[in-house]
Amino acid sequence: LMWQHAYSEFYFTKTPWPDFKKEDLIEAIRVYTSRDRRYGAIK
């Protein structure tokens, strides 16, 4: 999804997929929430 991910936030975890659980998903969202998405603008 290289075109579609142009302005996506990326989150990398060492947890392998079979061990990825709801709490890992929530942690990824928590990190996402802390980021400032400006789409090239200035805050």
All heavy atoms as atom14 arrays in JSON, in Angstrom:
{
  "sequence": "LMWQHAYSEFYFTKTPWPDFKKEDLIEAIRVYTSRDRRYGAIK",
  "atom14_mask": [
    [1, 1, 1, 1, 1, 1, 1, 1, 0, 0, 0, 0, 0, 0],
    [1, 1, 1, 1, 1, 1, 1, 1, 0, 0, 0, 0, 0, 0],
    [1, 1, 1, 1, 1, 1, 1, 1, 1, 1, 1, 1, 1, 1],
    [1, 1, 1, 1, 1, 1, 1, 1, 1, 0, 0, 0, 0, 0],
    [1, 1, 1, 1, 1, 1, 1, 1, 1, 1, 0, 0, 0, 0],
    [1, 1, 1, 1, 1, 0, 0, 0, 0, 0, 0, 0, 0, 0],
    [1, 1, 1, 1, 1, 1, 1, 1, 1, 1, 1, 1, 0, 0],
    [1, 1, 1, 1, 1, 1, 0, 0, 0, 0, 0, 0, 0, 0],
    [1, 1, 1, 1, 1, 1, 1, 1, 1, 0, 0, 0, 0, 0],
    [1, 1, 1, 1, 1, 1, 1, 1, 1, 1, 1, 0, 0, 0],
    [1, 1, 1, 1, 1, 1, 1, 1, 1, 1, 1, 1, 0, 0],
    [1, 1, 1, 1, 1, 1, 1, 1, 1, 1, 1, 0, 0, 0],
    [1, 1, 1, 1, 1, 1, 1, 0, 0, 0, 0, 0, 0, 0],
    [1, 1, 1, 1, 1, 1, 1, 1, 1, 0, 0, 0, 0, 0],
    [1, 1, 1, 1, 1, 1, 1, 0, 0, 0, 0, 0, 0, 0],
    [1, 1, 1, 1, 1, 1, 1, 0, 0, 0, 0, 0, 0, 0],
    [1, 1, 1, 1, 1, 1, 1, 1, 1, 1, 1, 1, 1, 1],
    [1, 1, 1, 1, 1, 1, 1, 0, 0, 0, 0, 0, 0, 0],
    [1, 1, 1, 1, 1, 1, 1, 1, 0, 0, 0, 0, 0, 0],
    [1, 1, 1, 1, 1, 1, 1, 1, 1, 1, 1, 0, 0, 0],
    [1, 1, 1, 1, 1, 1, 1, 1, 1, 0, 0, 0, 0, 0],
    [1, 1, 1, 1, 1, 1, 1, 1, 1, 0, 0, 0, 0, 0],
    [1, 1, 1, 1, 1, 1, 1, 1, 1, 0, 0, 0, 0, 0],
    [1, 1, 1, 1, 1, 1, 1, 1, 0, 0, 0, 0, 0, 0],
    [1, 1, 1, 1, 1, 1, 1, 1, 0, 0, 0, 0, 0, 0],
    [1, 1, 1, 1, 1, 1, 1, 1, 0, 0, 0, 0, 0, 0],
    [1, 1, 1, 1, 1, 1, 1, 1, 1, 0, 0, 0, 0, 0],
    [1, 1, 1, 1, 1, 0, 0, 0, 0, 0, 0, 0, 0, 0],
    [1, 1, 1, 1, 1, 1, 1, 1, 0, 0, 0, 0, 0, 0],
    [1, 1, 1, 1, 1, 1, 1, 1, 1, 1, 1, 0, 0, 0],
    [1, 1, 1, 1, 1, 1, 1, 0, 0, 0, 0, 0, 0, 0],
    [1, 1, 1, 1, 1, 1, 1, 1, 1, 1, 1, 1, 0, 0],
    [1, 1, 1, 1, 1, 1, 1, 0, 0, 0, 0, 0, 0, 0],
    [1, 1, 1, 1, 1, 1, 0, 0, 0, 0, 0, 0, 0, 0],
    [1, 1, 1, 1, 1, 1, 1, 1, 1, 1, 1, 0, 0, 0],
    [1, 1, 1, 1, 1, 1, 1, 1, 0, 0, 0, 0, 0, 0],
    [1, 1, 1, 1, 1, 1, 1, 1, 1, 1, 1, 0, 0, 0],
    [1, 1, 1, 1, 1, 1, 1, 1, 1, 1, 1, 0, 0, 0],
    [1, 1, 1, 1, 1, 1, 1, 1, 1, 1, 1, 1, 0, 0],
    [1, 1, 1, 1, 0, 0, 0, 0, 0, 0, 0, 0, 0, 0],
    [1, 1, 1, 1, 1, 0, 0, 0, 0, 0, 0, 0, 0, 0],
    [1, 1, 1, 1, 1, 1, 1, 1, 0, 0, 0, 0, 0, 0],
    [1, 1, 1, 1, 1, 1, 1, 1, 1, 0, 0, 0, 0, 0]
  ],
  "atom14_positions": [
    [[0.82, -1.22, 0.0], [0.0, 0.0, 0.0], [0.86, 1.27, 0.0], [0.61, 2.21, 0.76], [-0.94, 0.0, 1.21], [-1.97, -1.13, 1.31], [-2.73, -1.02, 2.63], [-2.94, -1.09, 0.14], [0.0, 0.0, 0.0], [0.0, 0.0, 0.0], [0.0, 0.0, 0.0], [0.0, 0.0, 0.0], [0.0, 0.0, 0.0], [0.0, 0.0, 0.0]],
    [[1.85, 1.31, -0.9], [2.79, 2.43, -0.86], [2.13, 3.76, -1.23], [2.48, 4.8, -0.67], [3.98, 2.14, -1.77], [4.84, 0.98, -1.28], [6.4, 0.78, -2.17], [5.82, 0.31, -3.79], [0.0, 0.0, 0.0], [0.0, 0.0, 0.0], [0.0, 0.0, 0.0], [0.0, 0.0, 0.0], [0.0, 0.0, 0.0], [0.0, 0.0, 0.0]],
    [[1.2, 3.76, -2.15], [0.46, 4.98, -2.48], [-0.44, 5.38, -1.31], [-0.48, 6.53, -0.88], [-0.36, 4.74, -3.75], [-1.26, 5.88, -4.14], [-2.53, 6.14, -3.68], [-0.97, 6.94, -5.07], [-3.05, 7.26, -4.26], [-2.11, 7.77, -5.12], [0.13, 7.24, -5.86], [-2.18, 8.9, -5.94], [0.07, 8.36, -6.68], [-1.07, 9.17, -6.71]],
    [[-1.15, 4.4, -0.78], [-2.14, 4.66, 0.27], [-1.51, 5.07, 1.6], [-2.13, 5.74, 2.42], [-3.02, 3.42, 0.48], [-3.84, 3.02, -0.74], [-3.1, 2.09, -1.7], [-1.87, 2.03, -1.7], [-3.85, 1.35, -2.5], [0.0, 0.0, 0.0], [0.0, 0.0, 0.0], [0.0, 0.0, 0.0], [0.0, 0.0, 0.0], [0.0, 0.0, 0.0]],
    [[-0.25, 4.64, 1.84], [0.41, 4.94, 3.11], [1.18, 6.28, 3.08], [1.97, 6.55, 3.99], [1.4, 3.83, 3.46], [0.77, 2.63, 4.07], [1.17, 1.34, 3.76], [-0.24, 2.49, 4.96], [0.43, 0.47, 4.44], [-0.42, 1.14, 5.18], [0.0, 0.0, 0.0], [0.0, 0.0, 0.0], [0.0, 0.0, 0.0], [0.0, 0.0, 0.0]],
    [[0.92, 7.1, 2.08], [1.7, 8.34, 1.91], [1.7, 9.21, 3.17], [2.71, 9.83, 3.5], [1.16, 9.13, 0.72], [0.0, 0.0, 0.0], [0.0, 0.0, 0.0], [0.0, 0.0, 0.0], [0.0, 0.0, 0.0], [0.0, 0.0, 0.0], [0.0, 0.0, 0.0], [0.0, 0.0, 0.0], [0.0, 0.0, 0.0], [0.0, 0.0, 0.0]],
    [[0.58, 9.27, 3.89], [0.48, 10.1, 5.08], [0.1, 9.3, 6.32], [-0.36, 9.86, 7.32], [-0.52, 11.24, 4.86], [0.02, 12.32, 3.96], [-0.36, 12.37, 2.62], [0.92, 13.27, 4.43], [0.14, 13.35, 1.77], [1.43, 14.25, 3.6], [1.04, 14.28, 2.27], [1.54, 15.26, 1.44], [0.0, 0.0, 0.0], [0.0, 0.0, 0.0]],
    [[0.3, 8.0, 6.29], [-0.01, 7.15, 7.43], [1.06, 7.28, 8.51], [2.23, 7.54, 8.22], [-0.11, 5.69, 7.0], [-1.06, 5.51, 5.97], [0.0, 0.0, 0.0], [0.0, 0.0, 0.0], [0.0, 0.0, 0.0], [0.0, 0.0, 0.0], [0.0, 0.0, 0.0], [0.0, 0.0, 0.0], [0.0, 0.0, 0.0], [0.0, 0.0, 0.0]],
    [[0.65, 7.06, 9.74], [1.61, 6.9, 10.83], [2.03, 5.44, 10.88], [1.21, 4.54, 10.69], [0.97, 7.31, 12.16], [0.63, 8.79, 12.27], [1.85, 9.68, 12.23], [2.9, 9.26, 12.77], [1.77, 10.79, 11.67], [0.0, 0.0, 0.0], [0.0, 0.0, 0.0], [0.0, 0.0, 0.0], [0.0, 0.0, 0.0], [0.0, 0.0, 0.0]],
    [[3.31, 5.19, 11.16], [3.84, 3.82, 11.21], [4.12, 3.44, 12.66], [4.64, 4.24, 13.45], [5.13, 3.69, 10.4], [4.95, 3.87, 8.91], [6.05, 3.98, 8.09], [3.69, 3.94, 8.34], [5.9, 4.14, 6.72], [3.52, 4.1, 6.97], [4.64, 4.2, 6.15], [0.0, 0.0, 0.0], [0.0, 0.0, 0.0], [0.0, 0.0, 0.0]],
    [[3.8, 2.18, 12.99], [4.07, 1.66, 14.32], [4.68, 0.26, 14.16], [4.07, -0.63, 13.56], [2.78, 1.56, 15.14], [2.96, 0.94, 16.51], [3.4, 1.7, 17.59], [2.68, -0.41, 16.72], [3.56, 1.13, 18.84], [2.83, -0.99, 17.97], [3.27, -0.2, 19.03], [3.43, -0.77, 20.27], [0.0, 0.0, 0.0], [0.0, 0.0, 0.0]],
    [[5.89, 0.09, 14.68], [6.58, -1.19, 14.58], [6.71, -1.81, 15.96], [7.07, -1.13, 16.93], [7.96, -1.0, 13.95], [7.93, -0.38, 12.58], [8.27, 0.95, 12.41], [7.54, -1.11, 11.48], [8.24, 1.54, 11.15], [7.5, -0.54, 10.21], [7.85, 0.79, 10.04], [0.0, 0.0, 0.0], [0.0, 0.0, 0.0], [0.0, 0.0, 0.0]],
    [[6.42, -3.1, 16.04], [6.54, -3.81, 17.3], [7.3, -5.11, 17.09], [7.22, -5.73, 16.03], [5.15, -4.12, 17.89], [5.3, -4.94, 19.06], [4.26, -4.86, 16.9], [0.0, 0.0, 0.0], [0.0, 0.0, 0.0], [0.0, 0.0, 0.0], [0.0, 0.0, 0.0], [0.0, 0.0, 0.0], [0.0, 0.0, 0.0], [0.0, 0.0, 0.0]],
    [[8.05, -5.52, 18.09], [8.79, -6.78, 18.0], [7.9, -7.99, 18.26], [8.32, -9.13, 18.03], [9.96, -6.76, 18.99], [11.03, -5.74, 18.64], [12.22, -5.81, 19.61], [13.29, -4.8, 19.21], [14.45, -4.84, 20.14], [0.0, 0.0, 0.0], [0.0, 0.0, 0.0], [0.0, 0.0, 0.0], [0.0, 0.0, 0.0], [0.0, 0.0, 0.0]],
    [[6.69, -7.77, 18.7], [5.77, -8.86, 18.96], [5.41, -9.58, 17.67], [4.95, -8.93, 16.73], [4.47, -8.34, 19.62], [4.81, -7.64, 20.82], [3.51, -9.49, 19.92], [0.0, 0.0, 0.0], [0.0, 0.0, 0.0], [0.0, 0.0, 0.0], [0.0, 0.0, 0.0], [0.0, 0.0, 0.0], [0.0, 0.0, 0.0], [0.0, 0.0, 0.0]],
    [[5.6, -10.9, 17.58], [5.21, -11.62, 16.36], [3.7, -11.67, 16.23], [2.98, -11.6, 17.25], [5.81, -13.01, 16.56], [5.94, -13.16, 18.04], [6.22, -11.79, 18.57], [0.0, 0.0, 0.0], [0.0, 0.0, 0.0], [0.0, 0.0, 0.0], [0.0, 0.0, 0.0], [0.0, 0.0, 0.0], [0.0, 0.0, 0.0], [0.0, 0.0, 0.0]],
    [[3.22, -11.8, 15.0], [1.78, -11.72, 14.8], [0.97, -12.7, 15.65], [-0.07, -12.3, 16.21], [1.43, -11.89, 13.32], [-0.05, -11.95, 13.11], [-0.79, -13.0, 12.69], [-0.99, -10.89, 13.37], [-2.13, -12.69, 12.66], [-2.27, -11.4, 13.09], [-0.87, -9.58, 13.84], [-3.43, -10.63, 13.24], [-2.01, -8.81, 13.99], [-3.28, -9.33, 13.69]],
    [[1.35, -13.96, 15.8], [0.5, -14.86, 16.61], [0.33, -14.41, 18.06], [-0.64, -14.79, 18.71], [1.25, -16.2, 16.53], [2.0, -16.13, 15.25], [2.44, -14.7, 15.15], [0.0, 0.0, 0.0], [0.0, 0.0, 0.0], [0.0, 0.0, 0.0], [0.0, 0.0, 0.0], [0.0, 0.0, 0.0], [0.0, 0.0, 0.0], [0.0, 0.0, 0.0]],
    [[1.28, -13.6, 18.56], [1.2, -13.12, 19.95], [0.6, -11.71, 20.05], [0.46, -11.18, 21.15], [2.6, -13.08, 20.57], [3.1, -14.48, 20.94], [2.26, -15.37, 21.12], [4.33, -14.65, 21.04], [0.0, 0.0, 0.0], [0.0, 0.0, 0.0], [0.0, 0.0, 0.0], [0.0, 0.0, 0.0], [0.0, 0.0, 0.0], [0.0, 0.0, 0.0]],
    [[0.22, -11.13, 18.94], [-0.32, -9.77, 18.92], [-1.77, -9.8, 19.4], [-2.62, -10.43, 18.79], [-0.23, -9.19, 17.51], [-0.54, -7.72, 17.42], [0.44, -6.77, 17.61], [-1.84, -7.28, 17.13], [0.16, -5.41, 17.51], [-2.13, -5.94, 17.04], [-1.13, -4.99, 17.23], [0.0, 0.0, 0.0], [0.0, 0.0, 0.0], [0.0, 0.0, 0.0]],
    [[-2.05, -9.12, 20.49], [-3.37, -9.18, 21.12], [-4.02, -7.81, 21.2], [-3.46, -6.82, 20.76], [-3.25, -9.79, 22.53], [-2.56, -11.14, 22.56], [-3.27, -12.17, 21.68], [-2.54, -13.51, 21.71], [-3.12, -14.47, 20.74], [0.0, 0.0, 0.0], [0.0, 0.0, 0.0], [0.0, 0.0, 0.0], [0.0, 0.0, 0.0], [0.0, 0.0, 0.0]],
    [[-5.2, -7.77, 21.78], [-5.95, -6.52, 21.89], [-5.14, -5.43, 22.59], [-5.16, -4.26, 22.18], [-7.27, -6.75, 22.62], [-8.15, -5.52, 22.71], [-9.48, -5.83, 23.38], [-10.39, -4.6, 23.43], [-11.71, -4.9, 24.07], [0.0, 0.0, 0.0], [0.0, 0.0, 0.0], [0.0, 0.0, 0.0], [0.0, 0.0, 0.0], [0.0, 0.0, 0.0]],
    [[-4.42, -5.81, 23.65], [-3.65, -4.81, 24.38], [-2.52, -4.22, 23.51], [-2.16, -3.05, 23.66], [-3.06, -5.38, 25.67], [-2.26, -6.65, 25.51], [-3.09, -7.92, 25.72], [-4.31, -7.89, 25.44], [-2.49, -8.93, 26.16], [0.0, 0.0, 0.0], [0.0, 0.0, 0.0], [0.0, 0.0, 0.0], [0.0, 0.0, 0.0], [0.0, 0.0, 0.0]],
    [[-1.99, -5.04, 22.58], [-0.97, -4.55, 21.65], [-1.59, -3.57, 20.65], [-0.98, -2.55, 20.29], [-0.32, -5.71, 20.91], [0.37, -6.68, 21.85], [1.33, -6.28, 22.51], [-0.08, -7.84, 21.93], [0.0, 0.0, 0.0], [0.0, 0.0, 0.0], [0.0, 0.0, 0.0], [0.0, 0.0, 0.0], [0.0, 0.0, 0.0], [0.0, 0.0, 0.0]],
    [[-2.79, -3.88, 20.21], [-3.51, -2.99, 19.3], [-3.8, -1.65, 19.98], [-3.61, -0.58, 19.39], [-4.81, -3.65, 18.84], [-5.69, -2.86, 17.88], [-4.96, -2.55, 16.59], [-6.98, -3.63, 17.6], [0.0, 0.0, 0.0], [0.0, 0.0, 0.0], [0.0, 0.0, 0.0], [0.0, 0.0, 0.0], [0.0, 0.0, 0.0], [0.0, 0.0, 0.0]],
    [[-4.23, -1.72, 21.23], [-4.53, -0.5, 21.99], [-3.25, 0.33, 22.2], [-3.28, 1.57, 22.11], [-5.2, -0.84, 23.32], [-6.6, -1.4, 23.07], [-5.24, 0.37, 24.25], [-7.3, -1.92, 24.3], [0.0, 0.0, 0.0], [0.0, 0.0, 0.0], [0.0, 0.0, 0.0], [0.0, 0.0, 0.0], [0.0, 0.0, 0.0], [0.0, 0.0, 0.0]],
    [[-2.14, -0.33, 22.45], [-0.87, 0.39, 22.62], [-0.48, 1.1, 21.33], [-0.01, 2.25, 21.36], [0.24, -0.58, 23.04], [1.63, 0.03, 23.1], [1.77, 1.17, 24.11], [0.89, 1.35, 24.97], [2.77, 1.9, 24.03], [0.0, 0.0, 0.0], [0.0, 0.0, 0.0], [0.0, 0.0, 0.0], [0.0, 0.0, 0.0], [0.0, 0.0, 0.0]],
    [[-0.68, 0.43, 20.18], [-0.38, 1.07, 18.9], [-1.25, 2.3, 18.7], [-0.78, 3.34, 18.22], [-0.6, 0.07, 17.76], [0.0, 0.0, 0.0], [0.0, 0.0, 0.0], [0.0, 0.0, 0.0], [0.0, 0.0, 0.0], [0.0, 0.0, 0.0], [0.0, 0.0, 0.0], [0.0, 0.0, 0.0], [0.0, 0.0, 0.0], [0.0, 0.0, 0.0]],
    [[-2.51, 2.2, 19.07], [-3.42, 3.34, 18.94], [-3.03, 4.45, 19.92], [-3.14, 5.64, 19.58], [-4.88, 2.89, 19.17], [-5.3, 1.9, 18.07], [-5.82, 4.08, 19.21], [-6.65, 1.26, 18.32], [0.0, 0.0, 0.0], [0.0, 0.0, 0.0], [0.0, 0.0, 0.0], [0.0, 0.0, 0.0], [0.0, 0.0, 0.0], [0.0, 0.0, 0.0]],
    [[-2.57, 4.07, 21.1], [-2.14, 5.08, 22.08], [-0.97, 5.88, 21.52], [-0.93, 7.12, 21.63], [-1.73, 4.41, 23.39], [-1.41, 5.39, 24.52], [-0.69, 4.72, 25.67], [0.63, 4.23, 25.27], [1.69, 5.02, 25.1], [1.59, 6.34, 25.3], [2.84, 4.52, 24.74], [0.0, 0.0, 0.0], [0.0, 0.0, 0.0], [0.0, 0.0, 0.0]],
    [[-0.01, 5.19, 20.91], [1.14, 5.88, 20.3], [0.67, 6.76, 19.14], [1.11, 7.9, 18.99], [2.18, 4.85, 19.82], [3.28, 5.54, 19.01], [2.79, 4.12, 21.01], [0.0, 0.0, 0.0], [0.0, 0.0, 0.0], [0.0, 0.0, 0.0], [0.0, 0.0, 0.0], [0.0, 0.0, 0.0], [0.0, 0.0, 0.0], [0.0, 0.0, 0.0]],
    [[-0.23, 6.23, 18.33], [-0.8, 7.0, 17.23], [-1.45, 8.29, 17.74], [-1.28, 9.37, 17.18], [-1.82, 6.14, 16.48], [-2.75, 6.89, 15.56], [-2.34, 7.25, 14.27], [-4.03, 7.25, 15.99], [-3.2, 7.95, 13.43], [-4.89, 7.95, 15.14], [-4.47, 8.29, 13.86], [-5.31, 8.98, 13.04], [0.0, 0.0, 0.0], [0.0, 0.0, 0.0]],
    [[-2.18, 8.16, 18.84], [-2.88, 9.31, 19.42], [-1.9, 10.41, 19.84], [-2.21, 11.6, 19.75], [-3.7, 8.87, 20.64], [-4.67, 7.89, 20.22], [-4.43, 10.03, 21.28], [0.0, 0.0, 0.0], [0.0, 0.0, 0.0], [0.0, 0.0, 0.0], [0.0, 0.0, 0.0], [0.0, 0.0, 0.0], [0.0, 0.0, 0.0], [0.0, 0.0, 0.0]],
    [[-0.71, 10.01, 20.26], [0.27, 10.98, 20.75], [0.97, 11.74, 19.63], [1.67, 12.72, 19.88], [1.33, 10.26, 21.6], [2.18, 9.46, 20.78], [0.0, 0.0, 0.0], [0.0, 0.0, 0.0], [0.0, 0.0, 0.0], [0.0, 0.0, 0.0], [0.0, 0.0, 0.0], [0.0, 0.0, 0.0], [0.0, 0.0, 0.0], [0.0, 0.0, 0.0]],
    [[0.79, 11.31, 18.4], [1.49, 11.94, 17.28], [0.67, 13.08, 16.68], [-0.55, 13.09, 16.75], [1.82, 10.89, 16.2], [2.8, 9.84, 16.72], [3.11, 8.82, 15.66], [4.0, 7.77, 16.17], [4.36, 6.7, 15.48], [3.9, 6.52, 14.25], [5.15, 5.8, 16.03], [0.0, 0.0, 0.0], [0.0, 0.0, 0.0], [0.0, 0.0, 0.0]],
    [[1.4, 14.01, 16.07], [0.79, 15.2, 15.48], [0.81, 15.06, 13.96], [1.86, 15.17, 13.34], [1.56, 16.46, 15.92], [0.97, 17.73, 15.36], [-0.23, 17.71, 15.0], [1.71, 18.73, 15.26], [0.0, 0.0, 0.0], [0.0, 0.0, 0.0], [0.0, 0.0, 0.0], [0.0, 0.0, 0.0], [0.0, 0.0, 0.0], [0.0, 0.0, 0.0]],
    [[-0.35, 14.8, 13.38], [-0.44, 14.62, 11.92], [-0.73, 15.97, 11.27], [-1.83, 16.52, 11.4], [-1.54, 13.6, 11.58], [-1.35, 12.26, 12.27], [-2.43, 11.29, 11.87], [-2.22, 10.77, 10.53], [-3.18, 10.24, 9.78], [-4.42, 10.21, 10.22], [-2.91, 9.77, 8.57], [0.0, 0.0, 0.0], [0.0, 0.0, 0.0], [0.0, 0.0, 0.0]],
    [[0.26, 16.5, 10.52], [0.13, 17.85, 9.97], [-0.05, 17.86, 8.45], [-0.36, 18.89, 7.87], [1.36, 18.67, 10.35], [1.51, 18.87, 11.85], [2.63, 19.84, 12.16], [3.92, 19.39, 11.66], [4.72, 18.54, 12.32], [4.36, 18.07, 13.51], [5.88, 18.17, 11.81], [0.0, 0.0, 0.0], [0.0, 0.0, 0.0], [0.0, 0.0, 0.0]],
    [[0.2, 16.73, 7.78], [0.03, 16.64, 6.32], [0.79, 17.76, 5.59], [0.29, 18.36, 4.64], [-1.47, 16.69, 5.94], [-2.27, 15.57, 6.54], [-2.98, 15.77, 7.71], [-2.29, 14.3, 5.94], [-3.73, 14.73, 8.28], [-3.02, 13.26, 6.5], [-3.73, 13.48, 7.67], [-4.45, 12.45, 8.23], [0.0, 0.0, 0.0], [0.0, 0.0, 0.0]],
    [[1.99, 18.04, 6.04], [2.83, 19.03, 5.39], [2.66, 20.44, 5.88], [3.44, 21.33, 5.54], [0.0, 0.0, 0.0], [0.0, 0.0, 0.0], [0.0, 0.0, 0.0], [0.0, 0.0, 0.0], [0.0, 0.0, 0.0], [0.0, 0.0, 0.0], [0.0, 0.0, 0.0], [0.0, 0.0, 0.0], [0.0, 0.0, 0.0], [0.0, 0.0, 0.0]],
    [[1.65, 20.69, 6.72], [1.42, 22.03, 7.24], [2.27, 22.26, 8.49], [2.97, 21.36, 8.96], [-0.07, 22.21, 7.57], [0.0, 0.0, 0.0], [0.0, 0.0, 0.0], [0.0, 0.0, 0.0], [0.0, 0.0, 0.0], [0.0, 0.0, 0.0], [0.0, 0.0, 0.0], [0.0, 0.0, 0.0], [0.0, 0.0, 0.0], [0.0, 0.0, 0.0]],
    [[2.2, 23.46, 9.02], [2.94, 23.81, 10.22], [1.96, 23.98, 11.36], [0.94, 24.67, 11.22], [3.74, 25.11, 10.03], [4.77, 24.92, 8.91], [4.41, 25.53, 11.33], [5.51, 26.18, 8.54], [0.0, 0.0, 0.0], [0.0, 0.0, 0.0], [0.0, 0.0, 0.0], [0.0, 0.0, 0.0], [0.0, 0.0, 0.0], [0.0, 0.0, 0.0]],
    [[2.25, 23.38, 12.49], [1.38, 23.52, 13.64], [1.51, 24.92, 14.22], [2.59, 25.44, 14.43], [1.75, 22.48, 14.7], [0.84, 22.49, 15.92], [1.22, 21.39, 16.9], [0.27, 21.38, 18.09], [0.66, 20.33, 19.07], [0.0, 0.0, 0.0], [0.0, 0.0, 0.0], [0.0, 0.0, 0.0], [0.0, 0.0, 0.0], [0.0, 0.0, 0.0]]
  ]
}
